């Protein structure tokens, strides 16, 4: 019999807490998703670990819980047994939570705390080890020739990359990034969820401030923003490539390559030990985004997910209650979306 006990708490603080797990980021995504940010506290024999979750009310007395967009899972601690998982599901079902979906964090490898049979490989992500360099030119001498050519091609066009923490950015600059980003997402016909909103971008500054930086490339001829990216920063020395966009001209001039190379140099010199680049679109890594990110990385990580039905009868009943536009999706709220 499991000795694990479960309770809720409101948020996680501290230097060891990754930015994705903290109350600022969790609250930002909870507002976007019309959900509630909560942390499941798992404790047994004096050991404690935490699982940040967004809890969404589906109506009809039913809820579901999931990791916020980005990464999540257990913060640290100890492995969960099959009995622990069973007891967790019972606790959640008593809280009216029908299902649980977890996006484990590749950079923490925290899928290891779960029974392997309960984790599913979703795709691969990429990370680069950082170190200080005397200059940007010194950094460039150590990267592959094709990548060095791309960055120098961007520099010869007159591009310069400016980094600013969001607490120092005007709303006009963030709005300019949003216009660039939304235009690109509409062009790619991406899912409505990933279009986000202008307010979502502006809230990054309010919620995250110095924990989020904006990298910008301004066209020297038109003085317009042509490429930009958000980077998230952990207090424990890890940086994360978050959101980015560029117009067609900047892409041709290797603007995003320039931004990433500049970020690797910048954060290495600021003392960060790694930059997590995220993943691509396909598990087989044949898509352009996977190929692009892998050029910068020296570490390939597994991104795994866990799907648990906490109340089988309730889950099936709730899935059947309203039409499902995407019945192949696990979360009911996702399955109902157009």
C-alpha atoms as a PDB file:
ATOM      1  CA  UNK A   1       0.000   0.000   0.000  1.00  0.00           C
ATOM      2  CA  UNK A   2       1.297   3.455  -0.935  1.00  0.00           C
ATOM      3  CA  UNK A   3       2.192   5.805   1.925  1.00  0.00           C
ATOM      4  CA  UNK A   4       2.097   8.800  -0.426  1.00  0.00           C
ATOM      5  CA  UNK A   5      -0.117  11.700   0.587  1.00  0.00           C
ATOM      6  CA  UNK A   6      -1.399  14.451  -1.706  1.00  0.00           C
ATOM      7  CA  UNK A   7      -2.459  18.022  -1.064  1.00  0.00           C
ATOM      8  CA  UNK A   8      -2.702  21.246  -3.064  1.00  0.00           C
ATOM      9  CA  UNK A   9      -0.637  24.398  -2.692  1.00  0.00           C
ATOM     10  CA  UNK A  10      -0.715  27.644  -4.641  1.00  0.00           C
ATOM     11  CA  UNK A  11       2.792  28.167  -6.039  1.00  0.00           C
ATOM     12  CA  UNK A  12       6.497  27.380  -6.002  1.00  0.00           C
ATOM     13  CA  UNK A  13       9.221  29.900  -5.195  1.00  0.00           C
ATOM     14  CA  UNK A  14      13.005  29.756  -4.969  1.00  0.00           C
ATOM     15  CA  UNK A  15      16.183  29.798  -7.029  1.00  0.00           C
ATOM     16  CA  UNK A  16      15.947  26.066  -7.772  1.00  0.00           C
ATOM     17  CA  UNK A  17      12.521  26.417  -9.390  1.00  0.00           C
ATOM     18  CA  UNK A  18      12.681  26.619 -13.217  1.00  0.00           C
ATOM     19  CA  UNK A  19      10.852  29.582 -14.705  1.00  0.00           C
ATOM     20  CA  UNK A  20       8.276  27.240 -16.289  1.00  0.00           C
ATOM     21  CA  UNK A  21       7.343  25.950 -12.812  1.00  0.00           C
ATOM     22  CA  UNK A  22       7.093  29.303 -11.031  1.00  0.00           C
ATOM     23  CA  UNK A  23       3.863  31.137 -10.169  1.00  0.00           C
ATOM     24  CA  UNK A  24       4.525  33.944 -12.669  1.00  0.00           C
ATOM     25  CA  UNK A  25       4.680  31.655 -15.693  1.00  0.00           C
ATOM     26  CA  UNK A  26       2.005  29.281 -14.396  1.00  0.00           C
ATOM     27  CA  UNK A  27      -0.340  32.195 -13.727  1.00  0.00           C
ATOM     28  CA  UNK A  28       0.322  33.661 -17.169  1.00  0.00           C
ATOM     29  CA  UNK A  29      -0.668  30.412 -18.884  1.00  0.00           C
ATOM     30  CA  UNK A  30      -3.594  29.815 -16.519  1.00  0.00           C
ATOM     31  CA  UNK A  31      -5.056  33.183 -17.516  1.00  0.00           C
ATOM     32  CA  UNK A  32      -4.535  32.364 -21.190  1.00  0.00           C
ATOM     33  CA  UNK A  33      -6.207  28.959 -20.819  1.00  0.00           C
ATOM     34  CA  UNK A  34      -9.016  30.123 -18.494  1.00  0.00           C
ATOM     35  CA  UNK A  35      -7.740  27.595 -15.959  1.00  0.00           C
ATOM     36  CA  UNK A  36      -6.490  27.643 -12.364  1.00  0.00           C
ATOM     37  CA  UNK A  37      -2.782  27.276 -11.531  1.00  0.00           C
ATOM     38  CA  UNK A  38      -2.251  24.793  -8.682  1.00  0.00           C
ATOM     39  CA  UNK A  39       0.615  22.668  -7.377  1.00  0.00           C
ATOM     40  CA  UNK A  40       0.086  19.071  -6.322  1.00  0.00           C
ATOM     41  CA  UNK A  41       2.240  18.308  -3.270  1.00  0.00           C
ATOM     42  CA  UNK A  42       3.350  14.658  -3.101  1.00  0.00           C
ATOM     43  CA  UNK A  43       4.814  13.583   0.242  1.00  0.00           C
ATOM     44  CA  UNK A  44       5.873  10.327   1.890  1.00  0.00           C
ATOM     45  CA  UNK A  45       8.270   9.436   4.731  1.00  0.00           C
ATOM     46  CA  UNK A  46       9.494  13.006   5.084  1.00  0.00           C
ATOM     47  CA  UNK A  47      10.209  13.413   1.358  1.00  0.00           C
ATOM     48  CA  UNK A  48       8.310  15.958  -0.705  1.00  0.00           C
ATOM     49  CA  UNK A  49       8.059  16.712  -4.409  1.00  0.00           C
ATOM     50  CA  UNK A  50       5.799  19.059  -6.361  1.00  0.00           C
ATOM     51  CA  UNK A  51       3.823  18.838  -9.590  1.00  0.00           C
ATOM     52  CA  UNK A  52       2.684  22.190 -11.066  1.00  0.00           C
ATOM     53  CA  UNK A  53      -0.604  21.866 -12.935  1.00  0.00           C
ATOM     54  CA  UNK A  54      -3.291  23.884 -14.626  1.00  0.00           C
ATOM     55  CA  UNK A  55      -6.760  22.707 -13.643  1.00  0.00           C
ATOM     56  CA  UNK A  56      -9.562  23.428 -16.090  1.00  0.00           C
ATOM     57  CA  UNK A  57     -13.251  23.279 -15.306  1.00  0.00           C
ATOM     58  CA  UNK A  58     -15.072  21.443 -18.089  1.00  0.00           C
ATOM     59  CA  UNK A  59     -18.535  22.088 -16.690  1.00  0.00           C
ATOM     60  CA  UNK A  60     -20.960  19.443 -15.490  1.00  0.00           C
ATOM     61  CA  UNK A  61     -18.858  19.070 -12.309  1.00  0.00           C
ATOM     62  CA  UNK A  62     -15.838  17.751 -14.247  1.00  0.00           C
ATOM     63  CA  UNK A  63     -12.235  18.972 -14.429  1.00  0.00           C
ATOM     64  CA  UNK A  64      -8.956  17.981 -16.056  1.00  0.00           C
ATOM     65  CA  UNK A  65      -5.368  18.826 -15.097  1.00  0.00           C
ATOM     66  CA  UNK A  66      -2.320  19.298 -17.289  1.00  0.00           C
ATOM     67  CA  UNK A  67       1.121  20.839 -17.585  1.00  0.00           C
ATOM     68  CA  UNK A  68       1.147  24.397 -18.903  1.00  0.00           C
ATOM     69  CA  UNK A  69       2.370  25.071 -22.451  1.00  0.00           C
ATOM     70  CA  UNK A  70       6.112  24.504 -22.349  1.00  0.00           C
ATOM     71  CA  UNK A  71       7.335  21.971 -19.807  1.00  0.00           C
ATOM     72  CA  UNK A  72       6.398  20.587 -16.420  1.00  0.00           C
ATOM     73  CA  UNK A  73       6.402  17.359 -14.443  1.00  0.00           C
ATOM     74  CA  UNK A  74       7.797  16.685 -10.990  1.00  0.00           C
ATOM     75  CA  UNK A  75      10.185  19.302  -9.713  1.00  0.00           C
ATOM     76  CA  UNK A  76      12.575  16.897  -7.990  1.00  0.00           C
ATOM     77  CA  UNK A  77      12.744  14.226  -5.364  1.00  0.00           C
ATOM     78  CA  UNK A  78      11.837  10.601  -5.596  1.00  0.00           C
ATOM     79  CA  UNK A  79      10.279   8.091  -7.957  1.00  0.00           C
ATOM     80  CA  UNK A  80       6.605   7.263  -7.909  1.00  0.00           C
ATOM     81  CA  UNK A  81       5.577   3.607  -7.733  1.00  0.00           C
ATOM     82  CA  UNK A  82       2.555   2.082  -9.452  1.00  0.00           C
ATOM     83  CA  UNK A  83       0.769   2.206  -6.086  1.00  0.00           C
ATOM     84  CA  UNK A  84       1.650   5.880  -5.723  1.00  0.00           C
ATOM     85  CA  UNK A  85       0.190   6.600  -9.169  1.00  0.00           C
ATOM     86  CA  UNK A  86      -2.972   4.708  -8.293  1.00  0.00           C
ATOM     87  CA  UNK A  87      -3.360   6.716  -5.100  1.00  0.00           C
ATOM     88  CA  UNK A  88      -2.681   9.976  -6.988  1.00  0.00           C
ATOM     89  CA  UNK A  89      -5.406   9.159  -9.503  1.00  0.00           C
ATOM     90  CA  UNK A  90      -7.808   8.377  -6.676  1.00  0.00           C
ATOM     91  CA  UNK A  91      -7.010  11.710  -4.995  1.00  0.00           C
ATOM     92  CA  UNK A  92      -7.535  13.606  -8.270  1.00  0.00           C
ATOM     93  CA  UNK A  93     -10.766  11.802  -9.072  1.00  0.00           C
ATOM     94  CA  UNK A  94     -12.077  12.788  -5.632  1.00  0.00           C
ATOM     95  CA  UNK A  95     -11.229  16.366  -6.666  1.00  0.00           C
ATOM     96  CA  UNK A  96     -13.403  15.888  -9.808  1.00  0.00           C
ATOM     97  CA  UNK A  97     -10.309  15.681 -12.054  1.00  0.00           C
ATOM     98  CA  UNK A  98     -11.101  13.151 -14.779  1.00  0.00           C
ATOM     99  CA  UNK A  99      -7.703  13.088 -16.517  1.00  0.00           C
ATOM    100  CA  UNK A 100      -4.086  14.203 -16.110  1.00  0.00           C
ATOM    101  CA  UNK A 101      -1.679  15.147 -18.921  1.00  0.00           C
ATOM    102  CA  UNK A 102       1.963  15.869 -18.102  1.00  0.00           C
ATOM    103  CA  UNK A 103       4.639  17.375 -20.310  1.00  0.00           C
ATOM    104  CA  UNK A 104       7.875  16.248 -18.674  1.00  0.00           C
ATOM    105  CA  UNK A 105      10.890  18.581 -18.818  1.00  0.00           C
ATOM    106  CA  UNK A 106      13.692  17.201 -21.029  1.00  0.00           C
ATOM    107  CA  UNK A 107      16.281  19.496 -19.409  1.00  0.00           C
ATOM    108  CA  UNK A 108      15.431  17.991 -15.981  1.00  0.00           C
ATOM    109  CA  UNK A 109      14.936  14.427 -17.272  1.00  0.00           C
ATOM    110  CA  UNK A 110      12.136  14.283 -14.722  1.00  0.00           C
ATOM    111  CA  UNK A 111      10.299  11.546 -16.616  1.00  0.00           C
ATOM    112  CA  UNK A 112      12.655   9.242 -14.675  1.00  0.00           C
ATOM    113  CA  UNK A 113      10.488   9.702 -11.571  1.00  0.00           C
ATOM    114  CA  UNK A 114       7.557   7.921 -13.244  1.00  0.00           C
ATOM    115  CA  UNK A 115       7.159   4.255 -14.199  1.00  0.00           C
ATOM    116  CA  UNK A 116       8.619   4.040 -17.706  1.00  0.00           C
ATOM    117  CA  UNK A 117       5.514   2.369 -19.103  1.00  0.00           C
ATOM    118  CA  UNK A 118       3.559   5.537 -18.248  1.00  0.00           C
ATOM    119  CA  UNK A 119       5.772   7.871 -20.277  1.00  0.00           C
ATOM    120  CA  UNK A 120       5.487   8.199 -24.035  1.00  0.00           C
ATOM    121  CA  UNK A 121       8.194   9.643 -26.287  1.00  0.00           C
ATOM    122  CA  UNK A 122       6.658  12.654 -28.032  1.00  0.00           C
ATOM    123  CA  UNK A 123       9.688  14.141 -29.808  1.00  0.00           C
ATOM    124  CA  UNK A 124      13.264  15.238 -29.200  1.00  0.00           C
ATOM    125  CA  UNK A 125      14.479  18.605 -27.986  1.00  0.00           C
ATOM    126  CA  UNK A 126      17.880  20.222 -28.248  1.00  0.00           C
ATOM    127  CA  UNK A 127      20.199  21.920 -25.789  1.00  0.00           C
ATOM    128  CA  UNK A 128      23.566  23.634 -26.051  1.00  0.00           C
ATOM    129  CA  UNK A 129      26.207  23.840 -23.339  1.00  0.00           C
ATOM    130  CA  UNK A 130      27.317  27.425 -22.755  1.00  0.00           C
ATOM    131  CA  UNK A 131      30.697  28.872 -21.925  1.00  0.00           C
ATOM    132  CA  UNK A 132      32.253  32.320 -21.862  1.00  0.00           C
ATOM    133  CA  UNK A 133      34.057  33.662 -24.947  1.00  0.00           C
ATOM    134  CA  UNK A 134      36.431  36.605 -25.242  1.00  0.00           C
ATOM    135  CA  UNK A 135      34.356  38.033 -28.085  1.00  0.00           C
ATOM    136  CA  UNK A 136      31.581  37.130 -30.495  1.00  0.00           C
ATOM    137  CA  UNK A 137      34.230  36.491 -33.148  1.00  0.00           C
ATOM    138  CA  UNK A 138      35.970  34.054 -30.789  1.00  0.00           C
ATOM    139  CA  UNK A 139      32.684  32.221 -30.255  1.00  0.00           C
ATOM    140  CA  UNK A 140      32.093  32.011 -34.022  1.00  0.00           C
ATOM    141  CA  UNK A 141      35.429  30.311 -34.638  1.00  0.00           C
ATOM    142  CA  UNK A 142      34.231  27.329 -32.604  1.00  0.00           C
ATOM    143  CA  UNK A 143      30.951  26.632 -34.432  1.00  0.00           C
ATOM    144  CA  UNK A 144      30.466  24.566 -37.632  1.00  0.00           C
ATOM    145  CA  UNK A 145      31.557  26.359 -40.828  1.00  0.00           C
ATOM    146  CA  UNK A 146      28.098  26.375 -42.443  1.00  0.00           C
ATOM    147  CA  UNK A 147      26.539  27.899 -39.346  1.00  0.00           C
ATOM    148  CA  UNK A 148      29.367  30.433 -39.040  1.00  0.00           C
ATOM    149  CA  UNK A 149      28.767  31.422 -42.679  1.00  0.00           C
ATOM    150  CA  UNK A 150      25.046  31.987 -41.983  1.00  0.00           C
ATOM    151  CA  UNK A 151      25.730  34.224 -38.984  1.00  0.00           C
ATOM    152  CA  UNK A 152      28.361  36.232 -40.826  1.00  0.00           C
ATOM    153  CA  UNK A 153      26.001  36.569 -43.800  1.00  0.00           C
ATOM    154  CA  UNK A 154      23.448  38.125 -41.443  1.00  0.00           C
ATOM    155  CA  UNK A 155      26.061  40.452 -39.972  1.00  0.00           C
ATOM    156  CA  UNK A 156      27.217  41.616 -43.409  1.00  0.00           C
ATOM    157  CA  UNK A 157      23.654  42.727 -44.138  1.00  0.00           C
ATOM    158  CA  UNK A 158      23.950  45.227 -41.290  1.00  0.00           C
ATOM    159  CA  UNK A 159      21.923  43.266 -38.757  1.00  0.00           C
ATOM    160  CA  UNK A 160      22.512  43.868 -35.058  1.00  0.00           C
ATOM    161  CA  UNK A 161      20.859  41.926 -32.232  1.00  0.00           C
ATOM    162  CA  UNK A 162      19.650  43.935 -29.230  1.00  0.00           C
ATOM    163  CA  UNK A 163      18.780  42.177 -25.956  1.00  0.00           C
ATOM    164  CA  UNK A 164      16.576  43.792 -23.310  1.00  0.00           C
ATOM    165  CA  UNK A 165      14.849  42.374 -20.255  1.00  0.00           C
ATOM    166  CA  UNK A 166      11.112  42.905 -20.511  1.00  0.00           C
ATOM    167  CA  UNK A 167      10.997  45.153 -17.466  1.00  0.00           C
ATOM    168  CA  UNK A 168      12.865  47.703 -19.600  1.00  0.00           C
ATOM    169  CA  UNK A 169      10.823  47.256 -22.805  1.00  0.00           C
ATOM    170  CA  UNK A 170       8.107  49.630 -23.944  1.00  0.00           C
ATOM    171  CA  UNK A 171       4.730  48.169 -24.803  1.00  0.00           C
ATOM    172  CA  UNK A 172       5.257  49.388 -28.390  1.00  0.00           C
ATOM    173  CA  UNK A 173       8.301  47.121 -28.790  1.00  0.00           C
ATOM    174  CA  UNK A 174       6.419  44.099 -27.436  1.00  0.00           C
ATOM    175  CA  UNK A 175       3.441  44.896 -29.670  1.00  0.00           C
ATOM    176  CA  UNK A 176       5.776  45.031 -32.669  1.00  0.00           C
ATOM    177  CA  UNK A 177       7.028  41.550 -31.816  1.00  0.00           C
ATOM    178  CA  UNK A 178       3.458  40.308 -31.464  1.00  0.00           C
ATOM    179  CA  UNK A 179       2.526  41.666 -34.913  1.00  0.00           C
ATOM    180  CA  UNK A 180       5.532  39.898 -36.410  1.00  0.00           C
ATOM    181  CA  UNK A 181       4.708  36.666 -34.572  1.00  0.00           C
ATOM    182  CA  UNK A 182       0.968  36.638 -35.316  1.00  0.00           C
ATOM    183  CA  UNK A 183       1.591  37.368 -38.991  1.00  0.00           C
ATOM    184  CA  UNK A 184       3.937  34.398 -39.228  1.00  0.00           C
ATOM    185  CA  UNK A 185       1.552  32.067 -37.372  1.00  0.00           C
ATOM    186  CA  UNK A 186      -1.357  33.083 -39.635  1.00  0.00           C
ATOM    187  CA  UNK A 187       0.825  32.516 -42.678  1.00  0.00           C
ATOM    188  CA  UNK A 188       1.691  29.032 -41.403  1.00  0.00           C
ATOM    189  CA  UNK A 189      -1.989  28.355 -40.555  1.00  0.00           C
ATOM    190  CA  UNK A 190      -1.020  27.185 -37.103  1.00  0.00           C
ATOM    191  CA  UNK A 191      -3.506  26.095 -34.449  1.00  0.00           C
ATOM    192  CA  UNK A 192      -5.496  28.962 -32.928  1.00  0.00           C
ATOM    193  CA  UNK A 193      -4.035  28.157 -29.498  1.00  0.00           C
ATOM    194  CA  UNK A 194      -0.525  29.109 -30.654  1.00  0.00           C
ATOM    195  CA  UNK A 195      -1.663  32.412 -32.105  1.00  0.00           C
ATOM    196  CA  UNK A 196      -1.907  33.629 -28.505  1.00  0.00           C
ATOM    197  CA  UNK A 197      -2.865  37.313 -28.278  1.00  0.00           C
ATOM    198  CA  UNK A 198      -1.278  40.723 -27.982  1.00  0.00           C
ATOM    199  CA  UNK A 199      -2.217  40.848 -24.320  1.00  0.00           C
ATOM    200  CA  UNK A 200      -0.527  37.475 -23.726  1.00  0.00           C
ATOM    201  CA  UNK A 201       2.735  38.956 -25.055  1.00  0.00           C
ATOM    202  CA  UNK A 202       2.321  42.119 -22.985  1.00  0.00           C
ATOM    203  CA  UNK A 203       1.617  40.066 -19.859  1.00  0.00           C
ATOM    204  CA  UNK A 204       5.048  38.444 -20.210  1.00  0.00           C
ATOM    205  CA  UNK A 205       6.548  41.792 -19.185  1.00  0.00           C
ATOM    206  CA  UNK A 206       4.236  42.210 -16.206  1.00  0.00           C
ATOM    207  CA  UNK A 207       4.499  38.636 -14.959  1.00  0.00           C
ATOM    208  CA  UNK A 208       8.105  37.719 -15.789  1.00  0.00           C
ATOM    209  CA  UNK A 209      10.012  41.011 -16.080  1.00  0.00           C
ATOM    210  CA  UNK A 210      13.745  40.341 -15.742  1.00  0.00           C
ATOM    211  CA  UNK A 211      13.194  36.576 -16.131  1.00  0.00           C
ATOM    212  CA  UNK A 212      12.337  37.116 -19.796  1.00  0.00           C
ATOM    213  CA  UNK A 213      14.445  38.873 -22.415  1.00  0.00           C
ATOM    214  CA  UNK A 214      13.489  40.198 -25.817  1.00  0.00           C
ATOM    215  CA  UNK A 215      16.044  39.863 -28.619  1.00  0.00           C
ATOM    216  CA  UNK A 216      15.387  42.180 -31.572  1.00  0.00           C
ATOM    217  CA  UNK A 217      16.777  42.821 -35.035  1.00  0.00           C
ATOM    218  CA  UNK A 218      15.803  46.227 -36.429  1.00  0.00           C
ATOM    219  CA  UNK A 219      16.144  46.886 -40.162  1.00  0.00           C
ATOM    220  CA  UNK A 220      18.761  49.684 -40.378  1.00  0.00           C
ATOM    221  CA  UNK A 221      17.083  51.147 -43.484  1.00  0.00           C
ATOM    222  CA  UNK A 222      13.424  51.166 -42.384  1.00  0.00           C
ATOM    223  CA  UNK A 223      13.895  51.129 -38.593  1.00  0.00           C
ATOM    224  CA  UNK A 224      11.264  48.359 -38.424  1.00  0.00           C
ATOM    225  CA  UNK A 225      11.420  45.137 -36.413  1.00  0.00           C
ATOM    226  CA  UNK A 226      12.206  42.210 -38.736  1.00  0.00           C
ATOM    227  CA  UNK A 227      13.104  39.399 -36.310  1.00  0.00           C
ATOM    228  CA  UNK A 228      12.668  38.850 -32.580  1.00  0.00           C
ATOM    229  CA  UNK A 229      12.572  36.212 -29.856  1.00  0.00           C
ATOM    230  CA  UNK A 230      11.686  35.780 -26.191  1.00  0.00           C
ATOM    231  CA  UNK A 231      14.179  33.942 -23.946  1.00  0.00           C
ATOM    232  CA  UNK A 232      13.220  32.715 -20.473  1.00  0.00           C
ATOM    233  CA  UNK A 233      15.856  32.704 -17.723  1.00  0.00           C
ATOM    234  CA  UNK A 234      16.149  30.417 -14.691  1.00  0.00           C
ATOM    235  CA  UNK A 235      17.878  31.625 -11.547  1.00  0.00           C
ATOM    236  CA  UNK A 236      19.798  28.338 -11.450  1.00  0.00           C
ATOM    237  CA  UNK A 237      21.720  29.047 -14.657  1.00  0.00           C
ATOM    238  CA  UNK A 238      19.584  27.719 -17.508  1.00  0.00           C
ATOM    239  CA  UNK A 239      18.148  29.791 -20.356  1.00  0.00           C
ATOM    240  CA  UNK A 240      15.275  28.766 -22.641  1.00  0.00           C
ATOM    241  CA  UNK A 241      14.420  29.713 -26.227  1.00  0.00           C
ATOM    242  CA  UNK A 242      10.706  30.524 -25.909  1.00  0.00           C
ATOM    243  CA  UNK A 243       8.959  32.255 -28.844  1.00  0.00           C
ATOM    244  CA  UNK A 244      10.348  33.780 -32.036  1.00  0.00           C
ATOM    245  CA  UNK A 245       9.396  35.206 -35.411  1.00  0.00           C
ATOM    246  CA  UNK A 246      10.973  36.841 -38.443  1.00  0.00           C
ATOM    247  CA  UNK A 247       9.701  38.237 -41.707  1.00  0.00           C
ATOM    248  CA  UNK A 248      10.659  36.635 -45.011  1.00  0.00           C
ATOM    249  CA  UNK A 249      13.509  39.064 -45.728  1.00  0.00           C
ATOM    250  CA  UNK A 250      15.056  38.492 -42.302  1.00  0.00           C
ATOM    251  CA  UNK A 251      14.768  34.734 -42.731  1.00  0.00           C
ATOM    252  CA  UNK A 252      16.599  34.929 -46.045  1.00  0.00           C
ATOM    253  CA  UNK A 253      19.278  36.989 -44.315  1.00  0.00           C
ATOM    254  CA  UNK A 254      19.585  34.322 -41.570  1.00  0.00           C
ATOM    255  CA  UNK A 255      18.108  36.565 -38.876  1.00  0.00           C
ATOM    256  CA  UNK A 256      17.033  33.792 -36.493  1.00  0.00           C
ATOM    257  CA  UNK A 257      20.437  32.115 -36.827  1.00  0.00           C
ATOM    258  CA  UNK A 258      21.962  35.453 -35.844  1.00  0.00           C
ATOM    259  CA  UNK A 259      19.653  35.777 -32.824  1.00  0.00           C
ATOM    260  CA  UNK A 260      20.375  32.256 -31.559  1.00  0.00           C
ATOM    261  CA  UNK A 261      24.119  32.566 -32.015  1.00  0.00           C
ATOM    262  CA  UNK A 262      24.044  35.914 -30.202  1.00  0.00           C
ATOM    263  CA  UNK A 263      22.007  34.368 -27.374  1.00  0.00           C
ATOM    264  CA  UNK A 264      24.457  31.478 -26.983  1.00  0.00           C
ATOM    265  CA  UNK A 265      27.340  33.944 -26.736  1.00  0.00           C
ATOM    266  CA  UNK A 266      25.453  36.357 -24.450  1.00  0.00           C
ATOM    267  CA  UNK A 267      24.183  33.829 -21.929  1.00  0.00           C
ATOM    268  CA  UNK A 268      27.485  31.985 -21.848  1.00  0.00           C
ATOM    269  CA  UNK A 269      29.228  35.223 -20.907  1.00  0.00           C
ATOM    270  CA  UNK A 270      26.560  35.970 -18.300  1.00  0.00           C
ATOM    271  CA  UNK A 271      27.342  32.682 -16.557  1.00  0.00           C
ATOM    272  CA  UNK A 272      24.454  30.519 -17.720  1.00  0.00           C
ATOM    273  CA  UNK A 273      25.428  26.876 -18.209  1.00  0.00           C
ATOM    274  CA  UNK A 274      22.940  25.811 -20.892  1.00  0.00           C
ATOM    275  CA  UNK A 275      20.392  27.073 -23.378  1.00  0.00           C
ATOM    276  CA  UNK A 276      17.445  24.758 -24.018  1.00  0.00           C
ATOM    277  CA  UNK A 277      16.223  25.276 -27.574  1.00  0.00           C
ATOM    278  CA  UNK A 278      13.057  23.175 -27.431  1.00  0.00           C
ATOM    279  CA  UNK A 279      12.047  20.695 -30.102  1.00  0.00           C
ATOM    280  CA  UNK A 280      10.775  20.481 -33.623  1.00  0.00           C
ATOM    281  CA  UNK A 281       7.511  19.220 -35.053  1.00  0.00           C
ATOM    282  CA  UNK A 282       8.178  15.551 -35.801  1.00  0.00           C
ATOM    283  CA  UNK A 283       9.470  12.629 -33.777  1.00  0.00           C
ATOM    284  CA  UNK A 284      11.630  11.455 -36.697  1.00  0.00           C
ATOM    285  CA  UNK A 285      13.310  14.925 -36.738  1.00  0.00           C
ATOM    286  CA  UNK A 286      12.781  15.298 -40.496  1.00  0.00           C
ATOM    287  CA  UNK A 287      11.035  18.680 -40.197  1.00  0.00           C
ATOM    288  CA  UNK A 288      12.789  21.981 -40.780  1.00  0.00           C
ATOM    289  CA  UNK A 289      12.507  23.199 -37.192  1.00  0.00           C
ATOM    290  CA  UNK A 290      14.203  20.075 -35.805  1.00  0.00           C
ATOM    291  CA  UNK A 291      16.981  20.370 -38.388  1.00  0.00           C
ATOM    292  CA  UNK A 292      17.391  24.074 -37.611  1.00  0.00           C
ATOM    293  CA  UNK A 293      17.671  23.666 -33.835  1.00  0.00           C
ATOM    294  CA  UNK A 294      19.955  20.644 -34.059  1.00  0.00           C
ATOM    295  CA  UNK A 295      22.546  22.791 -35.870  1.00  0.00           C
ATOM    296  CA  UNK A 296      23.133  24.754 -32.666  1.00  0.00           C
ATOM    297  CA  UNK A 297      22.949  21.951 -30.129  1.00  0.00           C
ATOM    298  CA  UNK A 298      25.429  19.524 -28.638  1.00  0.00           C
ATOM    299  CA  UNK A 299      22.817  17.574 -26.681  1.00  0.00           C
ATOM    300  CA  UNK A 300      19.693  15.779 -27.900  1.00  0.00           C
ATOM    301  CA  UNK A 301      17.056  15.143 -25.224  1.00  0.00           C
ATOM    302  CA  UNK A 302      13.900  13.064 -24.975  1.00  0.00           C
ATOM    303  CA  UNK A 303      10.618  14.921 -24.517  1.00  0.00           C
ATOM    304  CA  UNK A 304       8.158  12.492 -22.951  1.00  0.00           C
ATOM    305  CA  UNK A 305       4.520  12.869 -21.910  1.00  0.00           C
ATOM    306  CA  UNK A 306       2.240  11.039 -19.497  1.00  0.00           C
ATOM    307  CA  UNK A 307      -1.506  10.564 -19.949  1.00  0.00           C
ATOM    308  CA  UNK A 308      -3.535   9.244 -17.035  1.00  0.00           C
ATOM    309  CA  UNK A 309      -7.280   8.726 -16.796  1.00  0.00           C
ATOM    310  CA  UNK A 310      -8.185   9.238 -13.146  1.00  0.00           C
ATOM    311  CA  UNK A 311     -11.858   8.356 -13.467  1.00  0.00           C
ATOM    312  CA  UNK A 312     -12.497   6.097 -16.466  1.00  0.00           C
ATOM    313  CA  UNK A 313     -16.294   6.188 -16.329  1.00  0.00           C
ATOM    314  CA  UNK A 314     -16.391   9.936 -15.710  1.00  0.00           C
ATOM    315  CA  UNK A 315     -13.841  10.622 -18.443  1.00  0.00           C
ATOM    316  CA  UNK A 316     -15.763   8.645 -21.062  1.00  0.00           C
ATOM    317  CA  UNK A 317     -19.077  10.183 -20.027  1.00  0.00           C
ATOM    318  CA  UNK A 318     -17.655  13.715 -20.252  1.00  0.00           C
ATOM    319  CA  UNK A 319     -16.070  13.042 -23.655  1.00  0.00           C
ATOM    320  CA  UNK A 320     -19.482  11.915 -24.915  1.00  0.00           C
ATOM    321  CA  UNK A 321     -21.407  14.850 -23.415  1.00  0.00           C
ATOM    322  CA  UNK A 322     -20.472  17.388 -26.119  1.00  0.00           C
ATOM    323  CA  UNK A 323     -19.275  17.015 -29.720  1.00  0.00           C
ATOM    324  CA  UNK A 324     -15.534  16.442 -30.206  1.00  0.00           C
ATOM    325  CA  UNK A 325     -13.919  18.323 -33.076  1.00  0.00           C
ATOM    326  CA  UNK A 326     -10.569  16.548 -32.536  1.00  0.00           C
ATOM    327  CA  UNK A 327     -11.430  13.155 -31.023  1.00  0.00           C
ATOM    328  CA  UNK A 328      -7.839  11.894 -31.296  1.00  0.00           C
ATOM    329  CA  UNK A 329      -6.688  14.385 -28.625  1.00  0.00           C
ATOM    330  CA  UNK A 330      -6.466  13.184 -25.021  1.00  0.00           C
ATOM    331  CA  UNK A 331      -7.557  16.287 -23.121  1.00  0.00           C
ATOM    332  CA  UNK A 332     -11.283  16.846 -23.443  1.00  0.00           C
ATOM    333  CA  UNK A 333     -10.965  20.627 -23.728  1.00  0.00           C
ATOM    334  CA  UNK A 334      -8.519  20.172 -26.642  1.00  0.00           C
ATOM    335  CA  UNK A 335     -10.732  17.552 -28.288  1.00  0.00           C
ATOM    336  CA  UNK A 336     -13.684  19.947 -28.241  1.00  0.00           C
ATOM    337  CA  UNK A 337     -11.838  22.829 -29.924  1.00  0.00           C
ATOM    338  CA  UNK A 338     -12.323  23.584 -33.594  1.00  0.00           C
END
